[in-house]
N, C-alpha and C. Protein backbone atom coordinates (compact mmCIF):
# COMPACT_ATOMS: atom_id res chain seq x y z
N UNK A 1 4.27 -10.83 8.97
CA UNK A 1 4.85 -9.64 8.37
C UNK A 1 4.92 -9.85 6.86
N UNK A 2 4.50 -8.81 6.14
CA UNK A 2 4.54 -8.83 4.68
C UNK A 2 5.78 -8.08 4.21
N UNK A 3 6.28 -8.51 3.03
CA UNK A 3 7.42 -7.86 2.42
C UNK A 3 7.10 -7.69 0.94
N UNK A 4 7.45 -6.50 0.37
CA UNK A 4 7.24 -6.26 -1.04
C UNK A 4 8.59 -6.09 -1.70
N UNK A 5 8.75 -6.71 -2.87
CA UNK A 5 9.97 -6.58 -3.65
C UNK A 5 9.59 -6.38 -5.10
N UNK A 6 10.27 -5.47 -5.74
CA UNK A 6 10.06 -5.23 -7.16
C UNK A 6 10.77 -6.33 -7.93
N UNK A 7 10.06 -6.99 -8.84
CA UNK A 7 10.68 -8.11 -9.57
C UNK A 7 10.58 -7.93 -11.09
N UNK A 8 10.44 -6.70 -11.51
CA UNK A 8 10.35 -6.39 -12.92
C UNK A 8 9.97 -4.92 -13.06
N UNK A 9 9.83 -4.49 -14.26
CA UNK A 9 9.52 -3.07 -14.49
C UNK A 9 8.19 -2.67 -13.86
N UNK A 10 7.20 -3.52 -13.92
CA UNK A 10 5.86 -3.20 -13.41
C UNK A 10 5.30 -4.33 -12.55
N UNK A 11 6.16 -5.06 -11.86
CA UNK A 11 5.74 -6.24 -11.12
C UNK A 11 6.30 -6.16 -9.68
N UNK A 12 5.41 -6.39 -8.72
CA UNK A 12 5.79 -6.43 -7.29
C UNK A 12 5.39 -7.77 -6.73
N UNK A 13 6.30 -8.43 -6.02
CA UNK A 13 6.00 -9.70 -5.35
C UNK A 13 5.81 -9.40 -3.85
N UNK A 14 4.72 -9.91 -3.31
CA UNK A 14 4.41 -9.74 -1.89
C UNK A 14 4.59 -11.11 -1.24
N UNK A 15 5.43 -11.17 -0.23
CA UNK A 15 5.63 -12.42 0.52
C UNK A 15 5.18 -12.26 1.95
N UNK A 16 4.80 -13.38 2.54
CA UNK A 16 4.42 -13.41 3.94
C UNK A 16 5.27 -14.51 4.60
N UNK A 17 6.08 -14.11 5.55
CA UNK A 17 6.97 -15.05 6.23
C UNK A 17 7.78 -15.89 5.24
N UNK A 18 8.27 -15.25 4.18
CA UNK A 18 9.16 -15.91 3.23
C UNK A 18 8.48 -16.65 2.10
N UNK A 19 7.16 -16.79 2.12
CA UNK A 19 6.49 -17.49 1.01
C UNK A 19 5.65 -16.51 0.22
N UNK A 20 5.57 -16.76 -1.09
CA UNK A 20 4.84 -15.85 -2.01
C UNK A 20 3.37 -15.82 -1.67
N UNK A 21 2.85 -14.62 -1.43
CA UNK A 21 1.44 -14.44 -1.13
C UNK A 21 0.67 -14.04 -2.38
N UNK A 22 1.20 -13.03 -3.09
CA UNK A 22 0.55 -12.57 -4.33
C UNK A 22 1.57 -11.78 -5.15
N UNK A 23 1.19 -11.50 -6.38
CA UNK A 23 1.97 -10.65 -7.30
C UNK A 23 1.08 -9.54 -7.77
N UNK A 24 1.59 -8.29 -7.67
CA UNK A 24 0.84 -7.12 -8.17
C UNK A 24 1.50 -6.72 -9.47
N UNK A 25 0.67 -6.68 -10.53
CA UNK A 25 1.17 -6.29 -11.83
C UNK A 25 0.58 -4.92 -12.21
N UNK A 26 1.42 -3.97 -12.55
CA UNK A 26 0.93 -2.68 -12.98
C UNK A 26 1.89 -1.54 -12.66
N UNK A 27 1.79 -0.46 -13.43
CA UNK A 27 2.71 0.68 -13.28
C UNK A 27 2.23 1.66 -12.23
N UNK A 28 1.13 2.36 -12.44
CA UNK A 28 0.64 3.32 -11.45
C UNK A 28 -0.69 2.86 -10.89
N UNK A 29 -0.93 1.63 -10.98
CA UNK A 29 -2.10 0.93 -10.45
C UNK A 29 -1.74 -0.52 -10.65
N UNK A 30 -2.66 -1.42 -10.50
CA UNK A 30 -2.30 -2.81 -10.73
C UNK A 30 -3.40 -3.74 -10.39
N UNK A 31 -3.10 -5.03 -10.54
CA UNK A 31 -4.05 -6.08 -10.25
C UNK A 31 -3.36 -7.17 -9.45
N UNK A 32 -4.13 -7.83 -8.59
CA UNK A 32 -3.60 -8.99 -7.86
C UNK A 32 -4.73 -9.88 -7.43
N UNK A 33 -4.40 -11.14 -7.12
CA UNK A 33 -5.34 -12.11 -6.61
C UNK A 33 -4.88 -12.52 -5.23
N UNK A 34 -5.83 -12.67 -4.32
CA UNK A 34 -5.52 -13.06 -2.94
C UNK A 34 -6.66 -13.97 -2.47
N UNK A 35 -6.31 -15.16 -2.04
CA UNK A 35 -7.33 -16.13 -1.57
C UNK A 35 -8.45 -16.33 -2.56
N UNK A 36 -8.10 -16.38 -3.86
CA UNK A 36 -9.10 -16.64 -4.89
C UNK A 36 -9.92 -15.44 -5.33
N UNK A 37 -9.67 -14.27 -4.75
CA UNK A 37 -10.41 -13.05 -5.08
C UNK A 37 -9.50 -12.11 -5.87
N UNK A 38 -10.05 -11.52 -6.90
CA UNK A 38 -9.31 -10.55 -7.71
C UNK A 38 -9.53 -9.15 -7.20
N UNK A 39 -8.46 -8.36 -7.17
CA UNK A 39 -8.49 -6.97 -6.73
C UNK A 39 -7.77 -6.12 -7.76
N UNK A 40 -8.11 -4.84 -7.76
CA UNK A 40 -7.43 -3.87 -8.66
C UNK A 40 -7.06 -2.67 -7.83
N UNK A 41 -5.91 -2.09 -8.11
CA UNK A 41 -5.48 -0.84 -7.48
C UNK A 41 -5.48 0.21 -8.59
N UNK A 42 -6.15 1.31 -8.32
CA UNK A 42 -6.27 2.39 -9.30
C UNK A 42 -5.71 3.68 -8.70
N UNK A 43 -4.91 4.35 -9.47
CA UNK A 43 -4.40 5.66 -9.05
C UNK A 43 -5.29 6.74 -9.62
N UNK A 44 -5.74 7.64 -8.77
CA UNK A 44 -6.54 8.78 -9.21
C UNK A 44 -5.99 10.03 -8.56
N UNK A 45 -5.37 10.86 -9.37
CA UNK A 45 -4.73 12.08 -8.90
C UNK A 45 -3.70 11.70 -7.84
N UNK A 46 -3.85 12.14 -6.59
CA UNK A 46 -2.83 11.84 -5.56
C UNK A 46 -3.30 10.75 -4.59
N UNK A 47 -4.30 9.98 -4.98
CA UNK A 47 -4.78 8.91 -4.11
C UNK A 47 -4.77 7.57 -4.85
N UNK A 48 -4.87 6.51 -4.08
CA UNK A 48 -4.98 5.17 -4.63
C UNK A 48 -6.27 4.55 -4.11
N UNK A 49 -6.88 3.71 -4.93
CA UNK A 49 -8.12 3.04 -4.52
C UNK A 49 -7.95 1.53 -4.71
N UNK A 50 -8.48 0.78 -3.77
CA UNK A 50 -8.54 -0.68 -3.89
C UNK A 50 -9.95 -1.01 -4.33
N UNK A 51 -10.04 -1.73 -5.47
CA UNK A 51 -11.31 -2.07 -6.09
C UNK A 51 -11.52 -3.56 -6.15
N UNK A 52 -12.80 -3.99 -6.10
CA UNK A 52 -13.13 -5.38 -6.34
C UNK A 52 -13.11 -5.61 -7.84
N UNK A 53 -13.31 -6.85 -8.26
CA UNK A 53 -13.32 -7.20 -9.69
C UNK A 53 -14.43 -6.48 -10.41
N UNK A 54 -15.56 -6.17 -9.72
CA UNK A 54 -16.68 -5.48 -10.40
C UNK A 54 -16.56 -3.97 -10.36
N UNK A 55 -15.46 -3.43 -9.76
CA UNK A 55 -15.22 -1.99 -9.74
C UNK A 55 -15.66 -1.27 -8.47
N UNK A 56 -16.19 -1.99 -7.50
CA UNK A 56 -16.60 -1.34 -6.25
C UNK A 56 -15.37 -0.96 -5.44
N UNK A 57 -15.40 0.23 -4.85
CA UNK A 57 -14.26 0.70 -4.06
C UNK A 57 -14.29 0.09 -2.67
N UNK A 58 -13.24 -0.63 -2.33
CA UNK A 58 -13.10 -1.23 -0.97
C UNK A 58 -12.36 -0.31 -0.02
N UNK A 59 -11.38 0.43 -0.55
CA UNK A 59 -10.56 1.29 0.29
C UNK A 59 -9.95 2.38 -0.57
N UNK A 60 -9.59 3.48 0.07
CA UNK A 60 -8.89 4.56 -0.62
C UNK A 60 -7.94 5.26 0.32
N UNK A 61 -6.81 5.70 -0.24
CA UNK A 61 -5.82 6.42 0.55
C UNK A 61 -6.14 7.92 0.49
N UNK A 62 -5.67 8.62 1.50
CA UNK A 62 -5.75 10.07 1.51
C UNK A 62 -4.37 10.60 1.86
N UNK A 63 -3.75 11.28 0.93
CA UNK A 63 -2.41 11.88 1.10
C UNK A 63 -1.35 10.82 1.41
N UNK A 64 -1.26 9.72 0.63
CA UNK A 64 -0.31 8.65 0.98
C UNK A 64 1.12 9.12 1.00
N UNK A 65 1.85 8.73 2.04
CA UNK A 65 3.26 9.03 2.16
C UNK A 65 3.62 10.37 2.74
N UNK A 66 2.65 11.26 2.93
CA UNK A 66 2.96 12.57 3.55
C UNK A 66 3.10 12.36 5.07
N UNK A 67 3.33 13.43 5.79
CA UNK A 67 3.57 13.32 7.22
C UNK A 67 2.45 12.52 7.94
N UNK A 68 1.21 12.84 7.67
CA UNK A 68 0.09 12.03 8.19
C UNK A 68 -0.80 11.70 7.03
N UNK A 69 -1.27 10.49 6.99
CA UNK A 69 -2.13 10.03 5.90
C UNK A 69 -3.03 8.91 6.41
N UNK A 70 -4.00 8.52 5.61
CA UNK A 70 -4.97 7.51 6.08
C UNK A 70 -5.46 6.63 4.95
N UNK A 71 -6.08 5.53 5.36
CA UNK A 71 -6.77 4.61 4.43
C UNK A 71 -8.17 4.43 4.98
N UNK A 72 -9.16 4.75 4.18
CA UNK A 72 -10.54 4.54 4.57
C UNK A 72 -11.04 3.26 3.93
N UNK A 73 -11.70 2.45 4.73
CA UNK A 73 -12.24 1.18 4.26
C UNK A 73 -13.45 0.79 5.08
N UNK A 74 -14.57 0.60 4.43
CA UNK A 74 -15.76 0.11 5.10
C UNK A 74 -16.19 0.93 6.32
N UNK A 75 -16.07 2.22 6.25
CA UNK A 75 -16.48 3.07 7.35
C UNK A 75 -15.46 3.24 8.47
N UNK A 76 -14.35 2.52 8.37
CA UNK A 76 -13.29 2.70 9.37
C UNK A 76 -12.07 3.35 8.70
N UNK A 77 -11.18 3.81 9.51
CA UNK A 77 -10.02 4.52 9.02
C UNK A 77 -8.74 3.99 9.68
N UNK A 78 -7.75 3.68 8.87
CA UNK A 78 -6.40 3.35 9.34
C UNK A 78 -5.61 4.63 9.23
N UNK A 79 -5.00 5.06 10.30
CA UNK A 79 -4.21 6.30 10.28
C UNK A 79 -2.74 5.98 10.39
N UNK A 80 -1.96 6.74 9.63
CA UNK A 80 -0.50 6.56 9.59
C UNK A 80 0.20 7.88 9.83
N UNK A 81 1.39 7.79 10.40
CA UNK A 81 2.25 8.94 10.61
C UNK A 81 3.65 8.53 10.08
N UNK A 82 4.23 9.39 9.25
CA UNK A 82 5.55 9.10 8.74
C UNK A 82 6.56 9.33 9.87
N UNK A 83 7.44 8.35 10.05
CA UNK A 83 8.44 8.41 11.13
C UNK A 83 9.85 8.52 10.60
N UNK A 84 10.00 8.35 9.30
CA UNK A 84 11.31 8.45 8.66
C UNK A 84 11.07 8.60 7.17
N UNK A 85 12.14 8.63 6.42
CA UNK A 85 12.04 8.84 4.97
C UNK A 85 11.11 7.82 4.31
N UNK A 86 11.24 6.54 4.69
CA UNK A 86 10.43 5.47 4.11
C UNK A 86 9.66 4.70 5.18
N UNK A 87 9.62 5.21 6.40
CA UNK A 87 8.99 4.50 7.51
C UNK A 87 7.70 5.19 7.94
N UNK A 88 6.72 4.37 8.28
CA UNK A 88 5.42 4.89 8.67
C UNK A 88 4.92 4.05 9.87
N UNK A 89 4.27 4.72 10.80
CA UNK A 89 3.67 4.01 11.95
C UNK A 89 2.16 4.10 11.79
N UNK A 90 1.50 2.97 12.01
CA UNK A 90 0.05 2.99 12.08
C UNK A 90 -0.29 3.41 13.49
N UNK A 91 -1.15 4.39 13.65
CA UNK A 91 -1.46 4.91 14.98
C UNK A 91 -2.96 4.78 15.26
N UNK A 92 -3.28 4.63 16.56
CA UNK A 92 -4.67 4.60 16.97
C UNK A 92 -5.14 6.02 17.27
N UNK A 93 -6.36 6.16 17.78
CA UNK A 93 -6.90 7.49 18.01
C UNK A 93 -6.11 8.29 19.05
N UNK A 94 -5.44 7.58 19.99
CA UNK A 94 -4.66 8.26 21.01
C UNK A 94 -3.23 8.58 20.53
N UNK A 95 -2.91 8.18 19.31
CA UNK A 95 -1.59 8.44 18.77
C UNK A 95 -0.54 7.37 19.07
N UNK A 96 -0.99 6.24 19.68
CA UNK A 96 -0.09 5.13 19.99
C UNK A 96 0.19 4.31 18.74
N UNK A 97 1.44 3.85 18.61
CA UNK A 97 1.80 3.00 17.47
C UNK A 97 1.19 1.60 17.65
N UNK A 98 0.47 1.16 16.60
CA UNK A 98 -0.15 -0.16 16.64
C UNK A 98 0.31 -1.05 15.47
N UNK A 99 1.11 -0.48 14.57
CA UNK A 99 1.64 -1.22 13.43
C UNK A 99 2.72 -0.39 12.73
N UNK A 100 3.46 -1.03 11.83
CA UNK A 100 4.52 -0.31 11.12
C UNK A 100 4.54 -0.70 9.63
N UNK A 101 5.00 0.22 8.82
CA UNK A 101 5.33 -0.01 7.44
C UNK A 101 6.68 0.63 7.25
N UNK A 102 7.72 -0.20 6.98
CA UNK A 102 9.08 0.33 6.91
C UNK A 102 9.91 -0.45 5.89
N UNK A 103 10.56 0.30 5.01
CA UNK A 103 11.52 -0.26 4.05
C UNK A 103 11.00 -1.54 3.35
N UNK A 104 9.81 -1.46 2.83
CA UNK A 104 9.25 -2.56 2.05
C UNK A 104 8.66 -3.70 2.89
N UNK A 105 8.41 -3.46 4.16
CA UNK A 105 7.78 -4.46 5.02
C UNK A 105 6.58 -3.83 5.71
N UNK A 106 5.63 -4.66 6.08
CA UNK A 106 4.47 -4.19 6.83
C UNK A 106 4.16 -5.15 7.96
N UNK A 107 3.98 -4.60 9.14
CA UNK A 107 3.54 -5.38 10.31
C UNK A 107 2.28 -4.68 10.80
N UNK A 108 1.16 -5.07 10.24
CA UNK A 108 -0.12 -4.44 10.52
C UNK A 108 -1.10 -5.47 11.05
N UNK A 109 -0.84 -6.01 12.21
CA UNK A 109 -1.69 -7.07 12.76
C UNK A 109 -3.11 -6.54 12.96
N UNK A 110 -4.07 -7.40 12.69
CA UNK A 110 -5.45 -7.03 12.80
C UNK A 110 -6.02 -6.37 11.55
N UNK A 111 -5.19 -6.11 10.58
CA UNK A 111 -5.64 -5.52 9.29
C UNK A 111 -5.79 -6.63 8.28
N UNK A 112 -6.87 -6.62 7.53
CA UNK A 112 -7.14 -7.67 6.52
C UNK A 112 -5.98 -7.75 5.55
N UNK A 113 -5.60 -8.97 5.11
CA UNK A 113 -4.48 -9.15 4.18
C UNK A 113 -4.59 -8.30 2.92
N UNK A 114 -5.79 -8.19 2.33
CA UNK A 114 -5.92 -7.38 1.11
C UNK A 114 -5.59 -5.92 1.37
N UNK A 115 -5.96 -5.40 2.54
CA UNK A 115 -5.63 -4.01 2.87
C UNK A 115 -4.14 -3.85 3.13
N UNK A 116 -3.49 -4.86 3.74
CA UNK A 116 -2.06 -4.80 3.95
C UNK A 116 -1.32 -4.74 2.63
N UNK A 117 -1.73 -5.59 1.67
CA UNK A 117 -1.13 -5.59 0.34
C UNK A 117 -1.35 -4.23 -0.32
N UNK A 118 -2.55 -3.69 -0.18
CA UNK A 118 -2.88 -2.38 -0.75
C UNK A 118 -1.99 -1.27 -0.19
N UNK A 119 -1.82 -1.24 1.14
CA UNK A 119 -0.98 -0.20 1.77
C UNK A 119 0.46 -0.30 1.27
N UNK A 120 1.02 -1.51 1.29
CA UNK A 120 2.40 -1.69 0.85
C UNK A 120 2.57 -1.30 -0.60
N UNK A 121 1.67 -1.73 -1.46
CA UNK A 121 1.78 -1.46 -2.89
C UNK A 121 1.58 0.03 -3.19
N UNK A 122 0.62 0.68 -2.56
CA UNK A 122 0.40 2.11 -2.80
C UNK A 122 1.63 2.92 -2.41
N UNK A 123 2.27 2.57 -1.30
CA UNK A 123 3.49 3.31 -0.90
C UNK A 123 4.63 3.03 -1.85
N UNK A 124 4.77 1.77 -2.31
CA UNK A 124 5.84 1.44 -3.26
C UNK A 124 5.63 2.17 -4.58
N UNK A 125 4.41 2.21 -5.06
CA UNK A 125 4.12 2.89 -6.32
C UNK A 125 4.30 4.41 -6.18
N UNK A 126 3.91 4.95 -5.04
CA UNK A 126 4.09 6.39 -4.82
C UNK A 126 5.58 6.75 -4.78
N UNK A 127 6.38 5.99 -4.06
CA UNK A 127 7.80 6.32 -4.00
C UNK A 127 8.46 6.12 -5.33
N UNK A 128 8.03 5.14 -6.14
CA UNK A 128 8.56 4.95 -7.47
C UNK A 128 8.27 6.17 -8.35
N UNK A 129 7.00 6.67 -8.25
CA UNK A 129 6.62 7.84 -9.04
C UNK A 129 7.44 9.05 -8.64
N UNK A 130 7.69 9.23 -7.35
CA UNK A 130 8.48 10.37 -6.88
C UNK A 130 9.91 10.29 -7.39
N UNK A 131 10.52 9.10 -7.42
CA UNK A 131 11.87 8.93 -7.94
C UNK A 131 11.92 9.26 -9.44
N UNK A 132 10.92 8.80 -10.17
CA UNK A 132 10.88 9.07 -11.62
C UNK A 132 10.77 10.57 -11.86
N UNK A 133 9.94 11.27 -11.11
CA UNK A 133 9.79 12.71 -11.29
C UNK A 133 11.07 13.43 -10.96
N UNK A 134 11.75 13.06 -9.89
CA UNK A 134 13.01 13.68 -9.52
C UNK A 134 14.07 13.45 -10.59
N UNK A 135 14.17 12.22 -11.10
CA UNK A 135 15.16 11.93 -12.15
C UNK A 135 14.82 12.69 -13.43
N UNK A 136 13.54 12.72 -13.79
CA UNK A 136 13.13 13.42 -14.99
C UNK A 136 13.36 14.92 -14.87
N UNK A 137 13.21 15.43 -13.67
CA UNK A 137 13.34 16.86 -13.46
C UNK A 137 14.78 17.32 -13.25
N UNK A 138 15.70 16.36 -13.13
CA UNK A 138 17.12 16.71 -12.86
C UNK A 138 17.79 17.36 -14.05
C-alpha cells in the first residue's frame, strides 16, 4: 500500500509500507525518480500526463476525481469510480472493485509502481488546486 503526504509547499513524499519510495517535486505537475528511472507529471487543462525523461507519454488521466474517471496507459485503461469525497475505487469491466485510493493511500495491486505514484499524485494535486480555487473565490 502506498501513502502520499505533503511535506512542503510543492513536495509530496510517497511511502510504501512505511519506507520512503520517492519524492514528487512540483506545484501543478512534478518530477520523481523510481527504481533509477526519472518521470515527469505534466498538467494539461483538466488532465495529467505521466512522461518519461525524454517526454514520451506513458499514461494520462481523463476527468480525474470526478464521479467516474480513468487512466490510459500502453493501450490499457484503469477505471475508477468515486465512492466518497476523497475515496475512489478501481473497478474492472464488470464494475467490481479491484483496488482503492482513499485519503492519501492507494491499494492498487497489479498496477505498476510508477502508475500508482502517478494516480496518487494526480489526485493530490487536483484536490489541492480545487481547495486553492475555493479559498481564492471565497
